[in-house]
PDB file of N, CA and C in Angstrom:
ATOM      1  N   MET A   1      29.045  -5.184  -9.531  1.00  0.00           N
ATOM      2  CA  MET A   1      28.281  -4.883  -8.342  1.00  0.00           C
ATOM      3  C   MET A   1      29.225  -4.437  -7.241  1.00  0.00           C
ATOM      4  N   SER A   2      28.816  -3.438  -6.533  1.00  0.00           N
ATOM      5  CA  SER A   2      29.610  -2.921  -5.428  1.00  0.00           C
ATOM      6  C   SER A   2      29.296  -3.711  -4.171  1.00  0.00           C
ATOM      7  N   THR A   3      30.332  -4.190  -3.477  1.00  0.00           N
ATOM      8  CA  THR A   3      30.108  -4.982  -2.273  1.00  0.00           C
ATOM      9  C   THR A   3      29.767  -4.113  -1.078  1.00  0.00           C
ATOM     10  N   GLU A   4      29.973  -2.794  -1.175  1.00  0.00           N
ATOM     11  CA  GLU A   4      29.676  -1.921  -0.049  1.00  0.00           C
ATOM     12  C   GLU A   4      28.219  -1.466  -0.039  1.00  0.00           C
ATOM     13  N   SER A   5      27.441  -1.726  -1.098  1.00  0.00           N
ATOM     14  CA  SER A   5      26.040  -1.317  -1.152  1.00  0.00           C
ATOM     15  C   SER A   5      25.178  -2.282  -0.356  1.00  0.00           C
ATOM     16  N   LYS A   6      24.268  -1.716   0.426  1.00  0.00           N
ATOM     17  CA  LYS A   6      23.300  -2.505   1.183  1.00  0.00           C
ATOM     18  C   LYS A   6      21.925  -1.887   0.986  1.00  0.00           C
ATOM     19  N   CYS A   7      20.916  -2.711   1.111  1.00  0.00           N
ATOM     20  CA  CYS A   7      19.544  -2.231   1.004  1.00  0.00           C
ATOM     21  C   CYS A   7      19.238  -1.332   2.194  1.00  0.00           C
ATOM     22  N   PRO A   8      18.731  -0.107   1.951  1.00  0.00           N
ATOM     23  CA  PRO A   8      18.406   0.781   3.068  1.00  0.00           C
ATOM     24  C   PRO A   8      17.170   0.345   3.844  1.00  0.00           C
ATOM     25  N   LYS A   9      16.375  -0.554   3.281  1.00  0.00           N
ATOM     26  CA  LYS A   9      15.149  -0.982   3.949  1.00  0.00           C
ATOM     27  C   LYS A   9      15.385  -2.205   4.840  1.00  0.00           C
ATOM     28  N   CYS A  10      16.054  -3.243   4.285  1.00  0.00           N
ATOM     29  CA  CYS A  10      16.237  -4.477   5.054  1.00  0.00           C
ATOM     30  C   CYS A  10      17.697  -4.774   5.371  1.00  0.00           C
ATOM     31  N   ASN A  11      18.609  -3.932   4.893  1.00  0.00           N
ATOM     32  CA  ASN A  11      20.040  -4.037   5.149  1.00  0.00           C
ATOM     33  C   ASN A  11      20.663  -5.284   4.526  1.00  0.00           C
ATOM     34  N   SER A  12      20.048  -5.812   3.477  1.00  0.00           N
ATOM     35  CA  SER A  12      20.574  -6.978   2.784  1.00  0.00           C
ATOM     36  C   SER A  12      21.781  -6.587   1.937  1.00  0.00           C
ATOM     37  N   GLU A  13      22.740  -7.486   1.848  1.00  0.00           N
ATOM     38  CA  GLU A  13      23.923  -7.241   1.024  1.00  0.00           C
ATOM     39  C   GLU A  13      23.718  -7.727  -0.408  1.00  0.00           C
ATOM     40  N   HIS A  14      22.639  -8.441  -0.673  1.00  0.00           N
ATOM     41  CA  HIS A  14      22.384  -9.018  -1.989  1.00  0.00           C
ATOM     42  C   HIS A  14      21.589  -8.047  -2.858  1.00  0.00           C
ATOM     43  N   VAL A  15      22.216  -6.971  -3.275  1.00  0.00           N
ATOM     44  CA  VAL A  15      21.557  -5.969  -4.110  1.00  0.00           C
ATOM     45  C   VAL A  15      22.213  -5.958  -5.481  1.00  0.00           C
ATOM     46  N   TYR A  16      21.475  -5.491  -6.476  1.00  0.00           N
ATOM     47  CA  TYR A  16      22.029  -5.378  -7.814  1.00  0.00           C
ATOM     48  C   TYR A  16      21.530  -4.100  -8.466  1.00  0.00           C
ATOM     49  N   GLN A  17      22.267  -3.653  -9.475  1.00  0.00           N
ATOM     50  CA  GLN A  17      21.922  -2.419 -10.156  1.00  0.00           C
ATOM     51  C   GLN A  17      21.137  -2.745 -11.418  1.00  0.00           C
ATOM     52  N   ASP A  18      20.038  -2.001 -11.616  1.00  0.00           N
ATOM     53  CA  ASP A  18      19.194  -2.154 -12.796  1.00  0.00           C
ATOM     54  C   ASP A  18      19.003  -0.770 -13.398  1.00  0.00           C
ATOM     55  N   GLY A  19      19.820  -0.435 -14.375  1.00  0.00           N
ATOM     56  CA  GLY A  19      19.779   0.906 -14.954  1.00  0.00           C
ATOM     57  C   GLY A  19      20.285   1.918 -13.949  1.00  0.00           C
ATOM     58  N   ASN A  20      19.455   2.913 -13.618  1.00  0.00           N
ATOM     59  CA  ASN A  20      19.831   3.931 -12.642  1.00  0.00           C
ATOM     60  C   ASN A  20      19.409   3.571 -11.221  1.00  0.00           C
ATOM     61  N   LEU A  21      18.765   2.436 -11.038  1.00  0.00           N
ATOM     62  CA  LEU A  21      18.244   2.055  -9.722  1.00  0.00           C
ATOM     63  C   LEU A  21      19.001   0.868  -9.152  1.00  0.00           C
ATOM     64  N   TRP A  22      19.026   0.804  -7.833  1.00  0.00           N
ATOM     65  CA  TRP A  22      19.497  -0.374  -7.117  1.00  0.00           C
ATOM     66  C   TRP A  22      18.263  -1.152  -6.687  1.00  0.00           C
ATOM     67  N   VAL A  23      18.325  -2.481  -6.728  1.00  0.00           N
ATOM     68  CA  VAL A  23      17.191  -3.326  -6.413  1.00  0.00           C
ATOM     69  C   VAL A  23      17.611  -4.371  -5.388  1.00  0.00           C
ATOM     70  N   CYS A  24      16.771  -4.584  -4.395  1.00  0.00           N
ATOM     71  CA  CYS A  24      16.992  -5.622  -3.390  1.00  0.00           C
ATOM     72  C   CYS A  24      16.071  -6.804  -3.720  1.00  0.00           C
ATOM     73  N   PRO A  25      16.616  -7.982  -4.016  1.00  0.00           N
ATOM     74  CA  PRO A  25      15.760  -9.122  -4.344  1.00  0.00           C
ATOM     75  C   PRO A  25      15.036  -9.713  -3.138  1.00  0.00           C
ATOM     76  N   GLU A  26      15.476  -9.385  -1.932  1.00  0.00           N
ATOM     77  CA  GLU A  26      14.847  -9.957  -0.745  1.00  0.00           C
ATOM     78  C   GLU A  26      13.570  -9.229  -0.342  1.00  0.00           C
ATOM     79  N   CYS A  27      13.582  -7.880  -0.414  1.00  0.00           N
ATOM     80  CA  CYS A  27      12.384  -7.121  -0.007  1.00  0.00           C
ATOM     81  C   CYS A  27      11.764  -6.352  -1.171  1.00  0.00           C
ATOM     82  N   ALA A  28      12.339  -6.444  -2.373  1.00  0.00           N
ATOM     83  CA  ALA A  28      11.842  -5.800  -3.594  1.00  0.00           C
ATOM     84  C   ALA A  28      11.885  -4.279  -3.521  1.00  0.00           C
ATOM     85  N   HIS A  29      12.736  -3.730  -2.670  1.00  0.00           N
ATOM     86  CA  HIS A  29      12.874  -2.278  -2.550  1.00  0.00           C
ATOM     87  C   HIS A  29      13.781  -1.767  -3.667  1.00  0.00           C
ATOM     88  N   GLU A  30      13.400  -0.640  -4.282  1.00  0.00           N
ATOM     89  CA  GLU A  30      14.202  -0.010  -5.320  1.00  0.00           C
ATOM     90  C   GLU A  30      14.550   1.397  -4.870  1.00  0.00           C
ATOM     91  N   TRP A  31      15.775   1.830  -5.142  1.00  0.00           N
ATOM     92  CA  TRP A  31      16.202   3.170  -4.776  1.00  0.00           C
ATOM     93  C   TRP A  31      17.267   3.646  -5.729  1.00  0.00           C
ATOM     94  N   SER A  32      17.389   4.957  -5.806  1.00  0.00           N
ATOM     95  CA  SER A  32      18.401   5.579  -6.641  1.00  0.00           C
ATOM     96  C   SER A  32      19.740   5.507  -5.925  1.00  0.00           C
ATOM     97  N   ALA A  33      20.817   5.435  -6.685  1.00  0.00           N
ATOM     98  CA  ALA A  33      22.152   5.377  -6.089  1.00  0.00           C
ATOM     99  C   ALA A  33      22.465   6.668  -5.347  1.00  0.00           C
ATOM    100  N   HIS A  34      21.799   7.764  -5.708  1.00  0.00           N
ATOM    101  CA  HIS A  34      22.062   9.061  -5.085  1.00  0.00           C
ATOM    102  C   HIS A  34      21.092   9.373  -3.956  1.00  0.00           C
ATOM    103  N   ALA A  35      20.091   8.544  -3.730  1.00  0.00           N
ATOM    104  CA  ALA A  35      19.093   8.810  -2.688  1.00  0.00           C
ATOM    105  C   ALA A  35      19.649   8.445  -1.321  1.00  0.00           C
ATOM    106  N   SER A  36      19.212   9.177  -0.321  1.00  0.00           N
ATOM    107  CA  SER A  36      19.652   8.874   1.044  1.00  0.00           C
ATOM    108  C   SER A  36      18.713   7.842   1.656  1.00  0.00           C
ATOM    109  N   ALA A  37      19.183   7.128   2.652  1.00  0.00           N
ATOM    110  CA  ALA A  37      18.387   6.091   3.296  1.00  0.00           C
ATOM    111  C   ALA A  37      17.441   6.658   4.350  1.00  0.00           C
ATOM    112  N   ALA A  38      17.616   7.869   4.788  1.00  0.00           N
ATOM    113  CA  ALA A  38      16.820   8.443   5.878  1.00  0.00           C
ATOM    114  C   ALA A  38      15.326   8.511   5.561  1.00  0.00           C
ATOM    115  N   PRO A  39      14.882   8.968   4.385  1.00  0.00           N
ATOM    116  CA  PRO A  39      13.446   9.030   4.131  1.00  0.00           C
ATOM    117  C   PRO A  39      12.778   7.658   4.142  1.00  0.00           C
ATOM    118  N   VAL A  40      13.476   6.616   3.690  1.00  0.00           N
ATOM    119  CA  VAL A  40      12.898   5.285   3.664  1.00  0.00           C
ATOM    120  C   VAL A  40      12.677   4.793   5.084  1.00  0.00           C
ATOM    121  N   GLU A  41      13.659   5.001   5.965  1.00  0.00           N
ATOM    122  CA  GLU A  41      13.516   4.575   7.340  1.00  0.00           C
ATOM    123  C   GLU A  41      12.395   5.342   8.023  1.00  0.00           C
ATOM    124  N   GLU A  42      12.258   6.628   7.720  1.00  0.00           N
ATOM    125  CA  GLU A  42      11.211   7.443   8.317  1.00  0.00           C
ATOM    126  C   GLU A  42       9.841   6.963   7.870  1.00  0.00           C
ATOM    127  N   GLU A  43       9.715   6.592   6.601  1.00  0.00           N
ATOM    128  CA  GLU A  43       8.436   6.142   6.059  1.00  0.00           C
ATOM    129  C   GLU A  43       8.023   4.806   6.658  1.00  0.00           C
ATOM    130  N   THR A  44       8.963   3.882   6.838  1.00  0.00           N
ATOM    131  CA  THR A  44       8.606   2.582   7.379  1.00  0.00           C
ATOM    132  C   THR A  44       8.399   2.626   8.885  1.00  0.00           C
ATOM    133  N   ALA A  45       8.993   3.611   9.559  1.00  0.00           N
ATOM    134  CA  ALA A  45       8.820   3.715  11.009  1.00  0.00           C
ATOM    135  C   ALA A  45       7.385   4.091  11.353  1.00  0.00           C
ATOM    136  N   ASP A  46       6.778   4.942  10.569  1.00  0.00           N
ATOM    137  CA  ASP A  46       5.383   5.325  10.784  1.00  0.00           C
ATOM    138  C   ASP A  46       4.508   4.317  10.056  1.00  0.00           C
ATOM    139  N   ASN A  47       3.766   3.530  10.794  1.00  0.00           N
ATOM    140  CA  ASN A  47       2.890   2.543  10.174  1.00  0.00           C
ATOM    141  C   ASN A  47       1.545   3.185   9.886  1.00  0.00           C
ATOM    142  N   VAL A  48       1.549   4.171   9.002  1.00  0.00           N
ATOM    143  CA  VAL A  48       0.325   4.860   8.631  1.00  0.00           C
ATOM    144  C   VAL A  48      -0.189   4.281   7.322  1.00  0.00           C
ATOM    145  N   ILE A  49      -1.486   4.317   7.162  1.00  0.00           N
ATOM    146  CA  ILE A  49      -2.115   3.841   5.943  1.00  0.00           C
ATOM    147  C   ILE A  49      -2.634   5.052   5.201  1.00  0.00           C
ATOM    148  N   LYS A  50      -2.250   5.151   3.912  1.00  0.00           N
ATOM    149  CA  LYS A  50      -2.629   6.301   3.098  1.00  0.00           C
ATOM    150  C   LYS A  50      -3.501   5.852   1.942  1.00  0.00           C
ATOM    151  N   ASP A  51      -4.366   6.773   1.489  1.00  0.00           N
ATOM    152  CA  ASP A  51      -5.217   6.476   0.342  1.00  0.00           C
ATOM    153  C   ASP A  51      -4.443   6.690  -0.953  1.00  0.00           C
ATOM    154  N   ALA A  52      -5.131   6.600  -2.081  1.00  0.00           N
ATOM    155  CA  ALA A  52      -4.489   6.732  -3.384  1.00  0.00           C
ATOM    156  C   ALA A  52      -3.882   8.109  -3.605  1.00  0.00           C
ATOM    157  N   ASN A  53      -4.401   9.143  -2.928  1.00  0.00           N
ATOM    158  CA  ASN A  53      -3.888  10.499  -3.086  1.00  0.00           C
ATOM    159  C   ASN A  53      -2.854  10.868  -2.033  1.00  0.00           C
ATOM    160  N   GLY A  54      -2.538   9.951  -1.123  1.00  0.00           N
ATOM    161  CA  GLY A  54      -1.546  10.216  -0.091  1.00  0.00           C
ATOM    162  C   GLY A  54      -2.111  10.775   1.196  1.00  0.00           C
ATOM    163  N   ASN A  55      -3.428  10.846   1.319  1.00  0.00           N
ATOM    164  CA  ASN A  55      -4.048  11.316   2.561  1.00  0.00           C
ATOM    165  C   ASN A  55      -4.016  10.202   3.610  1.00  0.00           C
ATOM    166  N   ILE A  56      -3.741  10.554   4.843  1.00  0.00           N
ATOM    167  CA  ILE A  56      -3.675   9.573   5.917  1.00  0.00           C
ATOM    168  C   ILE A  56      -5.089   9.165   6.316  1.00  0.00           C
ATOM    169  N   LEU A  57      -5.317   7.848   6.381  1.00  0.00           N
ATOM    170  CA  LEU A  57      -6.623   7.312   6.756  1.00  0.00           C
ATOM    171  C   LEU A  57      -6.639   6.953   8.234  1.00  0.00           C
ATOM    172  N   GLN A  58      -7.824   7.061   8.847  1.00  0.00           N
ATOM    173  CA  GLN A  58      -8.013   6.712  10.247  1.00  0.00           C
ATOM    174  C   GLN A  58      -9.272   5.876  10.382  1.00  0.00           C
ATOM    175  N   ASP A  59      -9.386   5.152  11.499  1.00  0.00           N
ATOM    176  CA  ASP A  59     -10.600   4.376  11.765  1.00  0.00           C
ATOM    177  C   ASP A  59     -11.806   5.305  11.776  1.00  0.00           C
ATOM    178  N   GLY A  60     -12.900   4.861  11.147  1.00  0.00           N
ATOM    179  CA  GLY A  60     -14.127   5.638  11.127  1.00  0.00           C
ATOM    180  C   GLY A  60     -14.255   6.583   9.944  1.00  0.00           C
ATOM    181  N   ASP A  61     -13.222   6.708   9.125  1.00  0.00           N
ATOM    182  CA  ASP A  61     -13.282   7.590   7.955  1.00  0.00           C
ATOM    183  C   ASP A  61     -14.263   7.045   6.916  1.00  0.00           C
ATOM    184  N   THR A  62     -14.666   7.928   6.011  1.00  0.00           N
ATOM    185  CA  THR A  62     -15.466   7.553   4.856  1.00  0.00           C
ATOM    186  C   THR A  62     -14.587   7.679   3.626  1.00  0.00           C
ATOM    187  N   VAL A  63     -14.604   6.656   2.779  1.00  0.00           N
ATOM    188  CA  VAL A  63     -13.777   6.655   1.572  1.00  0.00           C
ATOM    189  C   VAL A  63     -14.650   6.364   0.360  1.00  0.00           C
ATOM    190  N   VAL A  64     -14.111   6.670  -0.818  1.00  0.00           N
ATOM    191  CA  VAL A  64     -14.798   6.425  -2.079  1.00  0.00           C
ATOM    192  C   VAL A  64     -13.909   5.541  -2.944  1.00  0.00           C
ATOM    193  N   VAL A  65     -14.480   4.509  -3.555  1.00  0.00           N
ATOM    194  CA  VAL A  65     -13.742   3.594  -4.419  1.00  0.00           C
ATOM    195  C   VAL A  65     -13.396   4.316  -5.724  1.00  0.00           C
ATOM    196  N   ILE A  66     -12.143   4.219  -6.167  1.00  0.00           N
ATOM    197  CA  ILE A  66     -11.700   4.938  -7.372  1.00  0.00           C
ATOM    198  C   ILE A  66     -11.522   4.037  -8.582  1.00  0.00           C
ATOM    199  N   LYS A  67     -11.823   2.742  -8.441  1.00  0.00           N
ATOM    200  CA  LYS A  67     -11.649   1.794  -9.541  1.00  0.00           C
ATOM    201  C   LYS A  67     -12.678   0.685  -9.380  1.00  0.00           C
ATOM    202  N   ASP A  68     -13.218   0.176 -10.493  1.00  0.00           N
ATOM    203  CA  ASP A  68     -14.109  -0.976 -10.414  1.00  0.00           C
ATOM    204  C   ASP A  68     -13.339  -2.141  -9.805  1.00  0.00           C
ATOM    205  N   LEU A  69     -13.904  -2.746  -8.758  1.00  0.00           N
ATOM    206  CA  LEU A  69     -13.232  -3.841  -8.065  1.00  0.00           C
ATOM    207  C   LEU A  69     -14.048  -5.117  -8.202  1.00  0.00           C
ATOM    208  N   LYS A  70     -13.467  -6.141  -8.813  1.00  0.00           N
ATOM    209  CA  LYS A  70     -14.129  -7.430  -8.926  1.00  0.00           C
ATOM    210  C   LYS A  70     -14.082  -8.110  -7.563  1.00  0.00           C
ATOM    211  N   ILE A  71     -15.173  -8.755  -7.205  1.00  0.00           N
ATOM    212  CA  ILE A  71     -15.239  -9.460  -5.930  1.00  0.00           C
ATOM    213  C   ILE A  71     -14.876 -10.917  -6.180  1.00  0.00           C
ATOM    214  N   LYS A  72     -13.864 -11.367  -5.466  1.00  0.00           N
ATOM    215  CA  LYS A  72     -13.376 -12.729  -5.642  1.00  0.00           C
ATOM    216  C   LYS A  72     -14.468 -13.735  -5.298  1.00  0.00           C
ATOM    217  N   GLY A  73     -14.668 -14.707  -6.182  1.00  0.00           N
ATOM    218  CA  GLY A  73     -15.671 -15.734  -5.944  1.00  0.00           C
ATOM    219  C   GLY A  73     -17.077 -15.331  -6.328  1.00  0.00           C
ATOM    220  N   SER A  74     -17.231 -14.187  -6.980  1.00  0.00           N
ATOM    221  CA  SER A  74     -18.547 -13.700  -7.355  1.00  0.00           C
ATOM    222  C   SER A  74     -18.444 -12.997  -8.713  1.00  0.00           C
ATOM    223  N   SER A  75     -19.570 -12.824  -9.351  1.00  0.00           N
ATOM    224  CA  SER A  75     -19.573 -12.082 -10.611  1.00  0.00           C
ATOM    225  C   SER A  75     -19.894 -10.609 -10.382  1.00  0.00           C
ATOM    226  N   SER A  76     -20.039 -10.218  -9.120  1.00  0.00           N
ATOM    227  CA  SER A  76     -20.363  -8.835  -8.774  1.00  0.00           C
ATOM    228  C   SER A  76     -19.131  -7.948  -8.854  1.00  0.00           C
ATOM    229  N   VAL A  77     -19.392  -6.632  -9.009  1.00  0.00           N
ATOM    230  CA  VAL A  77     -18.319  -5.640  -9.080  1.00  0.00           C
ATOM    231  C   VAL A  77     -18.703  -4.453  -8.211  1.00  0.00           C
ATOM    232  N   VAL A  78     -17.749  -3.984  -7.401  1.00  0.00           N
ATOM    233  CA  VAL A  78     -17.943  -2.734  -6.649  1.00  0.00           C
ATOM    234  C   VAL A  78     -17.576  -1.610  -7.616  1.00  0.00           C
ATOM    235  N   LYS A  79     -18.540  -0.766  -7.936  1.00  0.00           N
ATOM    236  CA  LYS A  79     -18.366   0.258  -8.967  1.00  0.00           C
ATOM    237  C   LYS A  79     -17.572   1.469  -8.462  1.00  0.00           C
ATOM    238  N   VAL A  80     -16.987   2.184  -9.415  1.00  0.00           N
ATOM    239  CA  VAL A  80     -16.299   3.442  -9.115  1.00  0.00           C
ATOM    240  C   VAL A  80     -17.289   4.401  -8.470  1.00  0.00           C
ATOM    241  N   GLY A  81     -16.871   5.125  -7.454  1.00  0.00           N
ATOM    242  CA  GLY A  81     -17.726   6.096  -6.801  1.00  0.00           C
ATOM    243  C   GLY A  81     -18.523   5.548  -5.639  1.00  0.00           C
ATOM    244  N   THR A  82     -18.398   4.248  -5.363  1.00  0.00           N
ATOM    245  CA  THR A  82     -19.115   3.668  -4.223  1.00  0.00           C
ATOM    246  C   THR A  82     -18.545   4.235  -2.933  1.00  0.00           C
ATOM    247  N   LYS A  83     -19.428   4.767  -2.096  1.00  0.00           N
ATOM    248  CA  LYS A  83     -19.010   5.363  -0.827  1.00  0.00           C
ATOM    249  C   LYS A  83     -19.020   4.292   0.255  1.00  0.00           C
ATOM    250  N   VAL A  84     -17.914   4.210   0.995  1.00  0.00           N
ATOM    251  CA  VAL A  84     -17.775   3.237   2.074  1.00  0.00           C
ATOM    252  C   VAL A  84     -17.605   4.012   3.373  1.00  0.00           C
ATOM    253  N   LYS A  85     -18.530   3.824   4.305  1.00  0.00           N
ATOM    254  CA  LYS A  85     -18.510   4.570   5.562  1.00  0.00           C
ATOM    255  C   LYS A  85     -17.928   3.720   6.681  1.00  0.00           C
ATOM    256  N   ASN A  86     -17.381   4.399   7.674  1.00  0.00           N
ATOM    257  CA  ASN A  86     -16.912   3.788   8.914  1.00  0.00           C
ATOM    258  C   ASN A  86     -15.923   2.645   8.677  1.00  0.00           C
ATOM    259  N   ILE A  87     -14.804   2.939   8.039  1.00  0.00           N
ATOM    260  CA  ILE A  87     -13.790   1.917   7.771  1.00  0.00           C
ATOM    261  C   ILE A  87     -13.012   1.594   9.044  1.00  0.00           C
ATOM    262  N   ARG A  88     -12.419   0.414   9.069  1.00  0.00           N
ATOM    263  CA  ARG A  88     -11.530  -0.004  10.152  1.00  0.00           C
ATOM    264  C   ARG A  88     -10.190  -0.371   9.535  1.00  0.00           C
ATOM    265  N   LEU A  89      -9.127   0.176  10.071  1.00  0.00           N
ATOM    266  CA  LEU A  89      -7.790  -0.105   9.553  1.00  0.00           C
ATOM    267  C   LEU A  89      -7.236  -1.347  10.228  1.00  0.00           C
ATOM    268  N   GLN A  90      -6.536  -2.147   9.434  1.00  0.00           N
ATOM    269  CA  GLN A  90      -5.922  -3.371   9.936  1.00  0.00           C
ATOM    270  C   GLN A  90      -4.597  -3.572   9.230  1.00  0.00           C
ATOM    271  N   SER A  91      -3.768  -4.408   9.772  1.00  0.00           N
ATOM    272  CA  SER A  91      -2.487  -4.677   9.135  1.00  0.00           C
ATOM    273  C   SER A  91      -2.597  -6.012   8.413  1.00  0.00           C
ATOM    274  N   GLY A  92      -3.088  -5.949   7.195  1.00  0.00           N
ATOM    275  CA  GLY A  92      -3.243  -7.162   6.400  1.00  0.00           C
ATOM    276  C   GLY A  92      -1.948  -7.523   5.711  1.00  0.00           C
ATOM    277  N   GLY A  93      -1.486  -8.729   5.881  1.00  0.00           N
ATOM    278  CA  GLY A  93      -0.245  -9.159   5.254  1.00  0.00           C
ATOM    279  C   GLY A  93      -0.360  -9.243   3.741  1.00  0.00           C
ATOM    280  N   ASP A  94      -1.571  -9.345   3.234  1.00  0.00           N
ATOM    281  CA  ASP A  94      -1.770  -9.461   1.790  1.00  0.00           C
ATOM    282  C   ASP A  94      -2.065  -8.115   1.128  1.00  0.00           C
ATOM    283  N   GLY A  95      -1.939  -7.014   1.877  1.00  0.00           N
ATOM    284  CA  GLY A  95      -2.163  -5.697   1.307  1.00  0.00           C
ATOM    285  C   GLY A  95      -3.562  -5.157   1.513  1.00  0.00           C
ATOM    286  N   HIS A  96      -4.483  -5.988   1.949  1.00  0.00           N
ATOM    287  CA  HIS A  96      -5.847  -5.539   2.221  1.00  0.00           C
ATOM    288  C   HIS A  96      -5.866  -4.948   3.625  1.00  0.00           C
ATOM    289  N   ASP A  97      -5.715  -3.621   3.704  1.00  0.00           N
ATOM    290  CA  ASP A  97      -5.543  -2.983   5.001  1.00  0.00           C
ATOM    291  C   ASP A  97      -6.763  -2.201   5.474  1.00  0.00           C
ATOM    292  N   ILE A  98      -7.902  -2.347   4.802  1.00  0.00           N
ATOM    293  CA  ILE A  98      -9.144  -1.695   5.217  1.00  0.00           C
ATOM    294  C   ILE A  98     -10.225  -2.762   5.342  1.00  0.00           C
ATOM    295  N   ALA A  99     -10.846  -2.844   6.521  1.00  0.00           N
ATOM    296  CA  ALA A  99     -11.994  -3.722   6.734  1.00  0.00           C
ATOM    297  C   ALA A  99     -13.236  -2.839   6.758  1.00  0.00           C
ATOM    298  N   CYS A 100     -14.286  -3.257   6.048  1.00  0.00           N
ATOM    299  CA  CYS A 100     -15.475  -2.412   5.952  1.00  0.00           C
ATOM    300  C   CYS A 100     -16.696  -3.239   5.578  1.00  0.00           C
ATOM    301  N   LYS A 101     -17.863  -2.580   5.623  1.00  0.00           N
ATOM    302  CA  LYS A 101     -19.103  -3.153   5.123  1.00  0.00           C
ATOM    303  C   LYS A 101     -19.576  -2.262   3.991  1.00  0.00           C
ATOM    304  N   ILE A 102     -19.893  -2.865   2.858  1.00  0.00           N
ATOM    305  CA  ILE A 102     -20.393  -2.117   1.706  1.00  0.00           C
ATOM    306  C   ILE A 102     -21.842  -2.523   1.487  1.00  0.00           C
ATOM    307  N   ASP A 103     -22.728  -1.527   1.401  1.00  0.00           N
ATOM    308  CA  ASP A 103     -24.152  -1.789   1.191  1.00  0.00           C
ATOM    309  C   ASP A 103     -24.352  -2.626  -0.064  1.00  0.00           C
ATOM    310  N   GLY A 104     -25.097  -3.702   0.058  1.00  0.00           N
ATOM    311  CA  GLY A 104     -25.382  -4.583  -1.065  1.00  0.00           C
ATOM    312  C   GLY A 104     -24.351  -5.673  -1.258  1.00  0.00           C
ATOM    313  N   PHE A 105     -23.210  -5.594  -0.577  1.00  0.00           N
ATOM    314  CA  PHE A 105     -22.151  -6.588  -0.732  1.00  0.00           C
ATOM    315  C   PHE A 105     -21.791  -7.254   0.590  1.00  0.00           C
ATOM    316  N   GLY A 106     -21.886  -6.522   1.694  1.00  0.00           N
ATOM    317  CA  GLY A 106     -21.538  -7.076   2.999  1.00  0.00           C
ATOM    318  C   GLY A 106     -20.121  -6.732   3.416  1.00  0.00           C
ATOM    319  N   ALA A 107     -19.596  -7.484   4.374  1.00  0.00           N
ATOM    320  CA  ALA A 107     -18.267  -7.228   4.917  1.00  0.00           C
ATOM    321  C   ALA A 107     -17.191  -7.684   3.940  1.00  0.00           C
ATOM    322  N   MET A 108     -16.153  -6.862   3.804  1.00  0.00           N
ATOM    323  CA  MET A 108     -15.027  -7.212   2.937  1.00  0.00           C
ATOM    324  C   MET A 108     -13.809  -6.393   3.305  1.00  0.00           C
ATOM    325  N   ASN A 109     -12.686  -6.759   2.735  1.00  0.00           N
ATOM    326  CA  ASN A 109     -11.434  -6.041   2.927  1.00  0.00           C
ATOM    327  C   ASN A 109     -11.039  -5.373   1.621  1.00  0.00           C
ATOM    328  N   LEU A 110     -10.501  -4.156   1.726  1.00  0.00           N
ATOM    329  CA  LEU A 110     -10.069  -3.389   0.562  1.00  0.00           C
ATOM    330  C   LEU A 110      -8.613  -2.995   0.703  1.00  0.00           C
ATOM    331  N   LYS A 111      -7.981  -2.732  -0.428  1.00  0.00           N
ATOM    332  CA  LYS A 111      -6.634  -2.172  -0.418  1.00  0.00           C
ATOM    333  C   LYS A 111      -6.757  -0.655  -0.439  1.00  0.00           C
ATOM    334  N   SER A 112      -5.926   0.005   0.347  1.00  0.00           N
ATOM    335  CA  SER A 112      -6.011   1.461   0.456  1.00  0.00           C
ATOM    336  C   SER A 112      -5.630   2.163  -0.843  1.00  0.00           C
ATOM    337  N   GLU A 113      -4.923   1.499  -1.732  1.00  0.00           N
ATOM    338  CA  GLU A 113      -4.522   2.123  -2.993  1.00  0.00           C
ATOM    339  C   GLU A 113      -5.693   2.298  -3.959  1.00  0.00           C
ATOM    340  N   PHE A 114      -6.841   1.675  -3.669  1.00  0.00           N
ATOM    341  CA  PHE A 114      -7.999   1.767  -4.546  1.00  0.00           C
ATOM    342  C   PHE A 114      -9.115   2.638  -3.977  1.00  0.00           C
ATOM    343  N   VAL A 115      -8.827   3.410  -2.941  1.00  0.00           N
ATOM    344  CA  VAL A 115      -9.830   4.307  -2.356  1.00  0.00           C
ATOM    345  C   VAL A 115      -9.220   5.708  -2.168  1.00  0.00           C
ATOM    346  N   LYS A 116     -10.106   6.691  -2.068  1.00  0.00           N
ATOM    347  CA  LYS A 116      -9.681   8.038  -1.715  1.00  0.00           C
ATOM    348  C   LYS A 116     -10.587   8.532  -0.588  1.00  0.00           C
ATOM    349  N   LYS A 117     -10.028   9.373   0.252  1.00  0.00           N
ATOM    350  CA  LYS A 117     -10.759   9.889   1.392  1.00  0.00           C
ATOM    351  C   LYS A 117     -11.874  10.812   0.911  1.00  0.00           C
ATOM    352  N   ALA A 118     -13.076  10.657   1.476  1.00  0.00           N
ATOM    353  CA  ALA A 118     -14.223  11.474   1.064  1.00  0.00           C
ATOM    354  C   ALA A 118     -14.257  12.768   1.848  1.00  0.00           C
TER     355      ALA A 118
END
């Protein structure tokens, strides 16, 4: 392990090499040894929320669910193709960054990786 390598995301010195990638055990960031740190810093500086296709989401957008989603604590499932109107973006620590109401299910939080902009 090289002592001069640091994580470009959290600046941790505790990094290790796994094949062609460097891995930070503190923030779970992976990067190539040849990649520059500038794009990572630029990406984290903008706190934008993107859908599964990389489109930037905003409050009030309409999205479509791209995967069957099981509802925790229930036997119900939000089906693929369900349209969700008037979303609200939030900074959920658990990854659920969309607050919304779905017809027939009520208020819930969704992860942006499971929706696409309509």
